[in-house]
């Protein structure tokens, strides 16, 4: 029987979502691997399956609303909300910061699950946490498809991931020799 990790990796590979090369991450760090979850999000059957695999890990969290940071978390967050029959809202960039717009409101003490596709340092997820708290809500947890933080992303709420991958990241001024001659590509996040 196939393990969950193998099934998840097979889905990412078959949809072209797990890339190899020389990538510039949103954090500015460099990596030889990149999860372009937009590729898997073209295929709703695969997104549904990924969330089916994640769902048992989320059932202990009590939430009424799912909030996703745009762009990466949109499709994934919507599918989590659908499978849990929860309300769904999102935050989006304005002047390179995430903001709550479009008339979305957070009720006082409303329990909210933040859903993201991939985290490396957790910056966008933390921005979403701050938005929930500044609007009076309570963060029930953060759910991600892929946690590549190597345990370094720390939040004051539970972090639940479907897959943990440890791909090295590099400061652009301290690249390993084999990456120095490979052109860097920023695939978008």
N, C-alpha and C. Protein backbone atom coordinates (compact mmCIF):
# COMPACT_ATOMS: atom_id res chain seq x y z
N UNK A 1 0.84 -1.19 0.00
CA UNK A 1 0.00 0.00 0.00
C UNK A 1 0.88 1.25 0.00
N UNK A 2 0.49 2.22 -0.78
CA UNK A 2 1.27 3.45 -0.93
C UNK A 2 1.12 4.33 0.31
N UNK A 3 2.24 4.88 0.78
CA UNK A 3 2.18 5.78 1.92
C UNK A 3 1.57 7.11 1.49
N UNK A 4 1.09 7.87 2.48
CA UNK A 4 0.52 9.19 2.20
C UNK A 4 1.57 10.09 1.56
N UNK A 5 2.79 10.10 2.10
CA UNK A 5 3.84 10.95 1.52
C UNK A 5 4.11 10.60 0.06
N UNK A 6 4.18 9.30 -0.24
CA UNK A 6 4.41 8.88 -1.62
C UNK A 6 3.27 9.31 -2.53
N UNK A 7 2.04 9.16 -2.05
CA UNK A 7 0.88 9.56 -2.86
C UNK A 7 0.90 11.07 -3.12
N UNK A 8 1.21 11.85 -2.08
CA UNK A 8 1.26 13.30 -2.23
C UNK A 8 2.36 13.69 -3.22
N UNK A 9 3.53 13.11 -3.07
CA UNK A 9 4.63 13.41 -4.00
C UNK A 9 4.28 13.00 -5.43
N UNK A 10 3.62 11.87 -5.59
CA UNK A 10 3.19 11.43 -6.92
C UNK A 10 2.24 12.45 -7.54
N UNK A 11 1.33 12.99 -6.74
CA UNK A 11 0.40 14.00 -7.24
C UNK A 11 1.16 15.25 -7.66
N UNK A 12 2.09 15.70 -6.83
CA UNK A 12 2.87 16.89 -7.17
C UNK A 12 3.70 16.67 -8.44
N UNK A 13 4.33 15.51 -8.54
CA UNK A 13 5.16 15.23 -9.73
C UNK A 13 4.32 15.10 -10.99
N UNK A 14 3.21 14.37 -10.91
CA UNK A 14 2.40 14.12 -12.10
C UNK A 14 1.74 15.39 -12.64
N UNK A 15 1.53 16.37 -11.79
CA UNK A 15 0.92 17.63 -12.23
C UNK A 15 1.96 18.70 -12.55
N UNK A 16 3.23 18.38 -12.38
CA UNK A 16 4.29 19.35 -12.66
C UNK A 16 4.45 20.39 -11.57
N UNK A 17 3.98 20.09 -10.37
CA UNK A 17 4.04 21.05 -9.27
C UNK A 17 5.35 21.01 -8.50
N UNK A 18 6.10 19.92 -8.60
CA UNK A 18 7.38 19.82 -7.93
C UNK A 18 8.46 20.01 -8.98
N UNK A 19 9.14 21.14 -8.91
CA UNK A 19 10.12 21.53 -9.93
C UNK A 19 11.54 21.42 -9.40
N UNK A 20 12.49 21.18 -10.30
CA UNK A 20 13.90 21.18 -9.96
C UNK A 20 14.62 22.16 -10.87
N UNK A 21 15.59 22.89 -10.31
CA UNK A 21 16.34 23.89 -11.05
C UNK A 21 17.03 24.83 -10.07
N UNK A 22 17.02 26.13 -10.38
CA UNK A 22 17.57 27.16 -9.50
C UNK A 22 16.49 28.23 -9.36
N UNK A 23 15.90 28.30 -8.19
CA UNK A 23 14.72 29.14 -7.98
C UNK A 23 14.97 30.22 -6.94
N UNK A 24 14.36 31.38 -7.19
CA UNK A 24 14.36 32.48 -6.23
C UNK A 24 13.03 32.39 -5.48
N UNK A 25 13.11 32.15 -4.18
CA UNK A 25 11.91 32.04 -3.36
C UNK A 25 11.41 33.44 -2.98
N UNK A 26 10.15 33.53 -2.55
CA UNK A 26 9.58 34.82 -2.14
C UNK A 26 10.44 35.47 -1.05
N UNK A 27 11.05 34.65 -0.21
CA UNK A 27 11.89 35.15 0.87
C UNK A 27 13.20 35.75 0.36
N UNK A 28 13.52 35.52 -0.92
CA UNK A 28 14.79 35.97 -1.47
C UNK A 28 15.85 34.88 -1.45
N UNK A 29 15.60 33.84 -0.66
CA UNK A 29 16.53 32.71 -0.63
C UNK A 29 16.47 31.95 -1.94
N UNK A 30 17.45 31.10 -2.18
CA UNK A 30 17.51 30.28 -3.39
C UNK A 30 17.33 28.82 -3.02
N UNK A 31 16.80 28.06 -3.97
CA UNK A 31 16.57 26.63 -3.75
C UNK A 31 16.69 25.88 -5.07
N UNK A 32 17.02 24.60 -4.96
CA UNK A 32 17.05 23.73 -6.14
C UNK A 32 15.69 23.10 -6.40
N UNK A 33 14.78 23.24 -5.46
CA UNK A 33 13.44 22.66 -5.59
C UNK A 33 12.40 23.73 -5.33
N UNK A 34 11.29 23.60 -6.02
CA UNK A 34 10.21 24.57 -5.86
C UNK A 34 8.87 23.86 -6.00
N UNK A 35 7.97 24.14 -5.08
CA UNK A 35 6.60 23.64 -5.18
C UNK A 35 5.77 24.73 -5.84
N UNK A 36 5.39 24.51 -7.07
CA UNK A 36 4.51 25.44 -7.79
C UNK A 36 3.10 24.85 -7.71
N UNK A 37 2.46 25.10 -6.57
CA UNK A 37 1.15 24.49 -6.31
C UNK A 37 0.08 24.94 -7.29
N UNK A 38 0.32 26.04 -7.98
CA UNK A 38 -0.64 26.46 -9.01
C UNK A 38 -0.80 25.37 -10.06
N UNK A 39 0.26 24.59 -10.28
CA UNK A 39 0.18 23.51 -11.26
C UNK A 39 -0.79 22.42 -10.81
N UNK A 40 -0.71 22.03 -9.56
CA UNK A 40 -1.64 21.01 -9.07
C UNK A 40 -3.05 21.58 -8.96
N UNK A 41 -3.17 22.87 -8.71
CA UNK A 41 -4.49 23.49 -8.53
C UNK A 41 -5.28 23.61 -9.83
N UNK A 42 -4.66 23.28 -10.96
CA UNK A 42 -5.40 23.21 -12.22
C UNK A 42 -6.28 21.97 -12.27
N UNK A 43 -6.00 21.01 -11.42
CA UNK A 43 -6.64 19.70 -11.47
C UNK A 43 -7.44 19.48 -10.19
N UNK A 44 -8.71 19.79 -10.23
CA UNK A 44 -9.51 19.77 -9.02
C UNK A 44 -9.63 18.39 -8.39
N UNK A 45 -9.58 17.33 -9.17
CA UNK A 45 -9.63 15.99 -8.57
C UNK A 45 -8.41 15.77 -7.68
N UNK A 46 -7.25 16.27 -8.10
CA UNK A 46 -6.04 16.12 -7.30
C UNK A 46 -6.09 17.01 -6.06
N UNK A 47 -6.62 18.22 -6.21
CA UNK A 47 -6.77 19.11 -5.05
C UNK A 47 -7.72 18.46 -4.04
N UNK A 48 -8.81 17.93 -4.54
CA UNK A 48 -9.76 17.25 -3.65
C UNK A 48 -9.06 16.12 -2.90
N UNK A 49 -8.27 15.33 -3.61
CA UNK A 49 -7.57 14.21 -2.97
C UNK A 49 -6.56 14.70 -1.93
N UNK A 50 -5.81 15.74 -2.24
CA UNK A 50 -4.85 16.27 -1.27
C UNK A 50 -5.55 16.70 0.02
N UNK A 51 -6.68 17.36 -0.12
CA UNK A 51 -7.40 17.81 1.08
C UNK A 51 -8.04 16.63 1.80
N UNK A 52 -8.48 15.62 1.07
CA UNK A 52 -8.97 14.40 1.73
C UNK A 52 -7.87 13.78 2.60
N UNK A 53 -6.65 13.82 2.12
CA UNK A 53 -5.52 13.29 2.89
C UNK A 53 -5.18 14.18 4.08
N UNK A 54 -5.36 15.48 3.93
CA UNK A 54 -5.07 16.44 5.01
C UNK A 54 -6.19 16.48 6.05
N UNK A 55 -7.41 16.23 5.63
CA UNK A 55 -8.59 16.42 6.48
C UNK A 55 -8.51 15.72 7.85
N UNK A 56 -8.10 14.45 7.93
CA UNK A 56 -8.05 13.82 9.26
C UNK A 56 -7.13 14.55 10.24
N UNK A 57 -6.12 15.22 9.74
CA UNK A 57 -5.19 15.95 10.60
C UNK A 57 -5.79 17.25 11.10
N UNK A 58 -6.85 17.72 10.45
CA UNK A 58 -7.48 18.99 10.81
C UNK A 58 -8.72 18.82 11.68
N UNK A 59 -9.22 17.61 11.77
CA UNK A 59 -10.50 17.40 12.45
C UNK A 59 -10.47 17.74 13.93
N UNK A 60 -9.30 17.76 14.55
CA UNK A 60 -9.21 18.13 15.97
C UNK A 60 -9.25 19.64 16.19
N UNK A 61 -9.12 20.42 15.10
CA UNK A 61 -9.16 21.88 15.21
C UNK A 61 -10.60 22.37 15.06
N UNK A 62 -11.01 23.25 15.96
CA UNK A 62 -12.37 23.80 15.92
C UNK A 62 -12.34 25.14 15.20
N UNK A 63 -12.97 25.22 14.03
CA UNK A 63 -13.02 26.46 13.27
C UNK A 63 -14.34 26.55 12.52
N UNK A 64 -14.75 27.79 12.28
CA UNK A 64 -15.97 28.05 11.52
C UNK A 64 -15.66 28.64 10.15
N UNK A 65 -14.48 29.23 10.04
CA UNK A 65 -14.10 29.94 8.82
C UNK A 65 -12.70 29.53 8.41
N UNK A 66 -12.51 29.46 7.10
CA UNK A 66 -11.19 29.24 6.52
C UNK A 66 -10.76 30.55 5.87
N UNK A 67 -9.54 30.97 6.15
CA UNK A 67 -8.97 32.17 5.55
C UNK A 67 -7.69 31.76 4.83
N UNK A 68 -7.57 32.18 3.57
CA UNK A 68 -6.39 31.84 2.78
C UNK A 68 -5.71 33.10 2.27
N UNK A 69 -4.37 33.13 2.33
CA UNK A 69 -3.64 34.22 1.69
C UNK A 69 -3.60 34.03 0.17
N UNK A 70 -3.89 35.08 -0.57
CA UNK A 70 -3.78 35.02 -2.03
C UNK A 70 -2.31 35.14 -2.39
N UNK A 71 -1.90 34.53 -3.37
CA UNK A 71 -2.56 33.71 -4.35
C UNK A 71 -2.49 32.23 -3.97
N UNK A 72 -1.37 31.81 -3.40
CA UNK A 72 -1.12 30.39 -3.22
C UNK A 72 -2.18 29.62 -2.47
N UNK A 73 -2.79 30.21 -1.48
CA UNK A 73 -3.73 29.46 -0.66
C UNK A 73 -5.15 29.45 -1.16
N UNK A 74 -5.46 30.18 -2.22
CA UNK A 74 -6.86 30.36 -2.62
C UNK A 74 -7.58 29.06 -2.93
N UNK A 75 -7.09 28.29 -3.86
CA UNK A 75 -7.78 27.06 -4.27
C UNK A 75 -7.77 26.05 -3.13
N UNK A 76 -6.63 25.91 -2.48
CA UNK A 76 -6.49 24.95 -1.39
C UNK A 76 -7.42 25.33 -0.24
N UNK A 77 -7.45 26.60 0.12
CA UNK A 77 -8.33 27.06 1.19
C UNK A 77 -9.79 26.85 0.87
N UNK A 78 -10.16 27.13 -0.36
CA UNK A 78 -11.55 26.94 -0.76
C UNK A 78 -11.96 25.47 -0.66
N UNK A 79 -11.05 24.57 -1.04
CA UNK A 79 -11.37 23.14 -0.95
C UNK A 79 -11.46 22.67 0.49
N UNK A 80 -10.60 23.18 1.36
CA UNK A 80 -10.72 22.85 2.79
C UNK A 80 -12.07 23.32 3.30
N UNK A 81 -12.44 24.55 2.98
CA UNK A 81 -13.74 25.08 3.43
C UNK A 81 -14.88 24.22 2.89
N UNK A 82 -14.80 23.81 1.64
CA UNK A 82 -15.86 22.98 1.06
C UNK A 82 -15.98 21.65 1.80
N UNK A 83 -14.84 20.99 2.04
CA UNK A 83 -14.90 19.68 2.69
C UNK A 83 -15.34 19.76 4.15
N UNK A 84 -15.14 20.91 4.78
CA UNK A 84 -15.55 21.08 6.17
C UNK A 84 -16.86 21.87 6.29
N UNK A 85 -17.44 22.25 5.15
CA UNK A 85 -18.67 23.05 5.15
C UNK A 85 -18.50 24.31 5.99
N UNK A 86 -17.36 24.98 5.79
CA UNK A 86 -17.03 26.19 6.55
C UNK A 86 -17.14 27.42 5.64
N UNK A 87 -17.25 28.57 6.26
CA UNK A 87 -17.21 29.83 5.52
C UNK A 87 -15.80 30.02 4.99
N UNK A 88 -15.68 30.69 3.85
CA UNK A 88 -14.37 30.89 3.22
C UNK A 88 -14.16 32.35 2.89
N UNK A 89 -13.02 32.89 3.33
CA UNK A 89 -12.62 34.25 2.99
C UNK A 89 -11.13 34.24 2.65
N UNK A 90 -10.65 35.33 2.09
CA UNK A 90 -9.22 35.39 1.78
C UNK A 90 -8.69 36.79 2.02
N UNK A 91 -7.37 36.85 2.16
CA UNK A 91 -6.67 38.12 2.24
C UNK A 91 -5.82 38.22 0.98
N UNK A 92 -5.57 39.46 0.55
CA UNK A 92 -4.84 39.66 -0.70
C UNK A 92 -3.86 40.80 -0.56
N UNK A 93 -2.93 40.85 -1.51
CA UNK A 93 -1.89 41.88 -1.46
C UNK A 93 -2.43 43.25 -1.84
N UNK A 94 -1.98 44.23 -1.09
CA UNK A 94 -2.19 45.63 -1.40
C UNK A 94 -0.92 46.33 -0.95
N UNK A 95 -0.21 46.94 -1.89
CA UNK A 95 1.08 47.56 -1.58
C UNK A 95 2.04 46.54 -0.93
N UNK A 96 2.04 45.33 -1.46
CA UNK A 96 2.89 44.21 -1.04
C UNK A 96 2.64 43.74 0.39
N UNK A 97 1.50 44.06 0.96
CA UNK A 97 1.10 43.56 2.28
C UNK A 97 -0.26 42.91 2.13
N UNK A 98 -0.51 41.88 2.91
CA UNK A 98 -1.81 41.24 2.88
C UNK A 98 -2.81 42.09 3.64
N UNK A 99 -4.02 42.19 3.08
CA UNK A 99 -5.10 42.94 3.72
C UNK A 99 -6.41 42.19 3.53
N UNK A 100 -7.32 42.44 4.45
CA UNK A 100 -8.68 41.91 4.38
C UNK A 100 -9.52 42.94 3.63
N UNK A 101 -10.08 42.56 2.49
CA UNK A 101 -10.84 43.49 1.65
C UNK A 101 -12.16 42.86 1.25
N UNK A 102 -12.78 43.43 0.25
CA UNK A 102 -13.99 42.92 -0.40
C UNK A 102 -15.17 42.78 0.55
N UNK A 103 -15.13 43.52 1.63
CA UNK A 103 -16.25 43.47 2.57
C UNK A 103 -16.22 42.29 3.52
N UNK A 104 -15.14 41.49 3.49
CA UNK A 104 -15.04 40.37 4.42
C UNK A 104 -14.93 40.91 5.84
N UNK A 105 -15.62 40.28 6.75
CA UNK A 105 -15.60 40.65 8.17
C UNK A 105 -15.24 39.43 9.01
N UNK A 106 -14.57 39.69 10.11
CA UNK A 106 -14.26 38.66 11.09
C UNK A 106 -15.00 39.03 12.37
N UNK A 107 -15.80 38.11 12.85
CA UNK A 107 -16.58 38.34 14.07
C UNK A 107 -15.68 38.23 15.30
N UNK A 108 -16.04 38.90 16.40
CA UNK A 108 -15.25 38.77 17.63
C UNK A 108 -15.14 37.30 18.05
N UNK A 109 -13.92 36.86 18.33
CA UNK A 109 -13.62 35.49 18.76
C UNK A 109 -13.96 34.41 17.74
N UNK A 110 -14.19 34.79 16.49
CA UNK A 110 -14.50 33.80 15.45
C UNK A 110 -13.30 32.87 15.25
N UNK A 111 -13.49 31.56 15.37
CA UNK A 111 -12.39 30.62 15.18
C UNK A 111 -12.10 30.42 13.69
N UNK A 112 -10.85 30.70 13.31
CA UNK A 112 -10.46 30.72 11.90
C UNK A 112 -9.26 29.81 11.68
N UNK A 113 -9.35 29.00 10.63
CA UNK A 113 -8.24 28.18 10.18
C UNK A 113 -7.59 28.89 9.00
N UNK A 114 -6.31 29.13 9.09
CA UNK A 114 -5.56 29.73 7.98
C UNK A 114 -5.01 28.60 7.12
N UNK A 115 -5.23 28.68 5.81
CA UNK A 115 -4.78 27.63 4.90
C UNK A 115 -3.86 28.22 3.85
N UNK A 116 -2.70 27.62 3.71
CA UNK A 116 -1.68 28.06 2.76
C UNK A 116 -1.21 26.85 1.96
N UNK A 117 -0.65 27.08 0.79
CA UNK A 117 -0.16 25.95 0.01
C UNK A 117 1.19 25.47 0.53
N UNK A 118 2.19 26.35 0.56
CA UNK A 118 3.55 25.99 0.96
C UNK A 118 4.10 27.08 1.88
N UNK A 119 4.81 26.67 2.92
CA UNK A 119 5.54 27.65 3.72
C UNK A 119 7.02 27.26 3.75
N UNK A 120 7.86 28.29 3.69
CA UNK A 120 9.30 28.10 3.86
C UNK A 120 9.73 28.79 5.16
N UNK A 121 9.38 30.04 5.28
CA UNK A 121 9.64 30.77 6.52
C UNK A 121 8.34 31.09 7.26
N UNK A 122 7.23 31.07 6.55
CA UNK A 122 5.93 31.31 7.16
C UNK A 122 5.52 32.76 7.21
N UNK A 123 6.15 33.62 6.42
CA UNK A 123 5.87 35.05 6.46
C UNK A 123 4.44 35.41 6.12
N UNK A 124 3.92 34.87 5.01
CA UNK A 124 2.54 35.18 4.62
C UNK A 124 1.54 34.59 5.61
N UNK A 125 1.83 33.39 6.11
CA UNK A 125 0.94 32.80 7.11
C UNK A 125 0.91 33.67 8.37
N UNK A 126 2.06 34.18 8.77
CA UNK A 126 2.10 35.05 9.96
C UNK A 126 1.34 36.35 9.70
N UNK A 127 1.45 36.89 8.50
CA UNK A 127 0.67 38.08 8.16
C UNK A 127 -0.83 37.79 8.31
N UNK A 128 -1.25 36.61 7.86
CA UNK A 128 -2.66 36.23 7.98
C UNK A 128 -3.07 36.08 9.44
N UNK A 129 -2.20 35.48 10.25
CA UNK A 129 -2.45 35.37 11.69
C UNK A 129 -2.65 36.76 12.29
N UNK A 130 -1.77 37.68 11.96
CA UNK A 130 -1.86 39.05 12.49
C UNK A 130 -3.16 39.73 12.07
N UNK A 131 -3.60 39.49 10.84
CA UNK A 131 -4.85 40.09 10.36
C UNK A 131 -6.03 39.53 11.13
N UNK A 132 -6.05 38.21 11.33
CA UNK A 132 -7.16 37.60 12.09
C UNK A 132 -7.21 38.21 13.49
N UNK A 133 -6.07 38.27 14.16
CA UNK A 133 -6.04 38.79 15.53
C UNK A 133 -6.40 40.27 15.59
N UNK A 134 -5.90 41.06 14.64
CA UNK A 134 -6.20 42.50 14.67
C UNK A 134 -7.66 42.79 14.36
N UNK A 135 -8.36 41.81 13.80
CA UNK A 135 -9.79 41.96 13.53
C UNK A 135 -10.65 41.25 14.57
N UNK A 136 -10.03 40.80 15.68
CA UNK A 136 -10.79 40.23 16.79
C UNK A 136 -11.05 38.75 16.70
N UNK A 137 -10.55 38.08 15.66
CA UNK A 137 -10.76 36.64 15.53
C UNK A 137 -9.74 35.85 16.32
N UNK A 138 -9.95 34.54 16.37
CA UNK A 138 -9.02 33.62 17.04
C UNK A 138 -8.52 32.62 16.01
N UNK A 139 -7.22 32.43 15.97
CA UNK A 139 -6.64 31.49 15.02
C UNK A 139 -6.69 30.08 15.62
N UNK A 140 -7.46 29.22 14.96
CA UNK A 140 -7.57 27.82 15.41
C UNK A 140 -6.34 27.02 15.02
N UNK A 141 -5.68 27.44 13.94
CA UNK A 141 -4.49 26.75 13.47
C UNK A 141 -4.13 27.21 12.07
N UNK A 142 -3.02 26.69 11.60
CA UNK A 142 -2.56 26.93 10.23
C UNK A 142 -2.40 25.57 9.57
N UNK A 143 -3.00 25.43 8.39
CA UNK A 143 -2.88 24.19 7.64
C UNK A 143 -2.15 24.48 6.33
N UNK A 144 -1.19 23.63 5.98
CA UNK A 144 -0.44 23.80 4.75
C UNK A 144 -0.31 22.46 4.04
N UNK A 145 -0.24 22.52 2.72
CA UNK A 145 0.05 21.29 1.99
C UNK A 145 1.49 20.87 2.24
N UNK A 146 2.42 21.83 2.11
CA UNK A 146 3.84 21.51 2.24
C UNK A 146 4.51 22.47 3.22
N UNK A 147 5.15 21.90 4.21
CA UNK A 147 5.96 22.67 5.16
C UNK A 147 7.42 22.37 4.84
N UNK A 148 8.09 23.36 4.28
CA UNK A 148 9.52 23.18 3.98
C UNK A 148 10.38 24.03 4.90
N UNK A 149 9.84 24.36 6.09
CA UNK A 149 10.54 25.24 7.02
C UNK A 149 11.57 24.53 7.89
N UNK A 150 11.60 23.21 7.84
CA UNK A 150 12.49 22.42 8.70
C UNK A 150 12.25 22.72 10.18
N UNK A 151 11.00 22.96 10.53
CA UNK A 151 10.65 23.23 11.92
C UNK A 151 10.96 24.63 12.38
N UNK A 152 11.40 25.50 11.47
CA UNK A 152 11.79 26.86 11.84
C UNK A 152 10.63 27.84 11.82
N UNK A 153 9.53 27.49 11.17
CA UNK A 153 8.36 28.37 11.17
C UNK A 153 7.61 28.14 12.47
N UNK A 154 7.63 29.15 13.32
CA UNK A 154 6.99 29.04 14.63
C UNK A 154 5.81 29.99 14.72
N UNK A 155 4.70 29.45 15.14
CA UNK A 155 3.48 30.24 15.30
C UNK A 155 2.93 29.97 16.70
N UNK A 156 2.09 30.87 17.18
CA UNK A 156 1.49 30.64 18.51
C UNK A 156 0.16 29.91 18.39
N UNK A 157 0.08 29.03 17.38
CA UNK A 157 -1.10 28.19 17.16
C UNK A 157 -0.60 26.91 16.49
N UNK A 158 -1.44 25.88 16.44
CA UNK A 158 -1.00 24.64 15.80
C UNK A 158 -0.71 24.83 14.31
N UNK A 159 0.34 24.17 13.84
CA UNK A 159 0.68 24.11 12.42
C UNK A 159 0.50 22.67 11.98
N UNK A 160 -0.35 22.46 10.98
CA UNK A 160 -0.64 21.12 10.48
C UNK A 160 -0.25 21.09 9.01
N UNK A 161 0.58 20.10 8.65
CA UNK A 161 1.00 19.99 7.25
C UNK A 161 0.70 18.60 6.71
N UNK A 162 0.46 18.55 5.41
CA UNK A 162 0.27 17.28 4.74
C UNK A 162 1.62 16.61 4.47
N UNK A 163 2.61 17.43 4.14
CA UNK A 163 3.92 16.92 3.76
C UNK A 163 4.99 17.85 4.32
N UNK A 164 6.03 17.29 4.90
CA UNK A 164 7.18 18.07 5.34
C UNK A 164 8.36 17.67 4.48
N UNK A 165 8.93 18.66 3.81
CA UNK A 165 10.08 18.41 2.94
C UNK A 165 11.22 19.32 3.36
N UNK A 166 12.40 18.77 3.37
CA UNK A 166 13.56 19.54 3.78
C UNK A 166 14.49 19.72 2.58
N UNK A 167 14.21 20.74 1.80
CA UNK A 167 15.09 21.10 0.70
C UNK A 167 15.96 22.26 1.17
N UNK A 168 17.25 22.17 0.98
CA UNK A 168 18.11 23.27 1.42
C UNK A 168 17.77 24.57 0.71
N UNK A 169 17.90 25.66 1.43
CA UNK A 169 17.79 26.99 0.84
C UNK A 169 19.12 27.70 1.07
N UNK A 170 19.40 28.65 0.19
CA UNK A 170 20.70 29.31 0.23
C UNK A 170 20.54 30.82 0.13
N UNK A 171 21.41 31.52 0.82
CA UNK A 171 21.55 32.95 0.63
C UNK A 171 22.09 33.14 -0.79
N UNK A 172 21.57 34.11 -1.55
CA UNK A 172 22.05 34.28 -2.93
C UNK A 172 23.54 34.59 -3.04
N UNK A 173 24.15 35.08 -1.98
CA UNK A 173 25.59 35.36 -1.99
C UNK A 173 26.43 34.18 -1.52
N UNK A 174 25.75 33.09 -1.13
CA UNK A 174 26.46 31.91 -0.63
C UNK A 174 25.96 30.66 -1.32
N UNK A 175 25.83 30.72 -2.64
CA UNK A 175 25.33 29.57 -3.40
C UNK A 175 26.38 28.48 -3.49
N UNK A 176 25.94 27.22 -3.46
CA UNK A 176 26.90 26.14 -3.71
C UNK A 176 27.41 26.25 -5.14
N UNK A 177 28.59 25.73 -5.37
CA UNK A 177 29.25 25.88 -6.67
C UNK A 177 28.39 25.38 -7.83
N UNK A 178 27.70 24.25 -7.63
CA UNK A 178 26.92 23.68 -8.73
C UNK A 178 25.72 24.55 -9.13
N UNK A 179 25.28 25.48 -8.29
CA UNK A 179 24.16 26.37 -8.64
C UNK A 179 24.63 27.71 -9.21
N UNK A 180 25.87 28.05 -9.00
CA UNK A 180 26.36 29.36 -9.41
C UNK A 180 26.26 29.57 -10.92
N UNK A 181 26.37 28.53 -11.71
CA UNK A 181 26.33 28.68 -13.17
C UNK A 181 24.93 28.44 -13.75
N UNK A 182 23.96 28.11 -12.90
CA UNK A 182 22.59 27.86 -13.35
C UNK A 182 21.79 29.14 -13.19
N UNK A 183 21.17 29.63 -14.29
CA UNK A 183 20.37 30.85 -14.16
C UNK A 183 19.23 30.68 -13.16
N UNK A 184 19.04 31.70 -12.35
CA UNK A 184 17.98 31.67 -11.34
C UNK A 184 16.66 32.08 -11.98
N UNK A 185 15.60 31.44 -11.51
CA UNK A 185 14.26 31.67 -12.05
C UNK A 185 13.31 31.93 -10.88
N UNK A 186 12.47 32.96 -11.03
CA UNK A 186 11.47 33.25 -10.00
C UNK A 186 10.11 32.81 -10.54
N UNK A 187 9.66 31.62 -10.14
CA UNK A 187 8.44 31.07 -10.73
C UNK A 187 7.15 31.73 -10.26
N UNK A 188 7.20 32.52 -9.23
CA UNK A 188 5.99 33.16 -8.71
C UNK A 188 5.39 32.32 -7.60
N UNK A 189 4.78 33.01 -6.63
CA UNK A 189 4.19 32.29 -5.50
C UNK A 189 2.86 32.90 -5.14
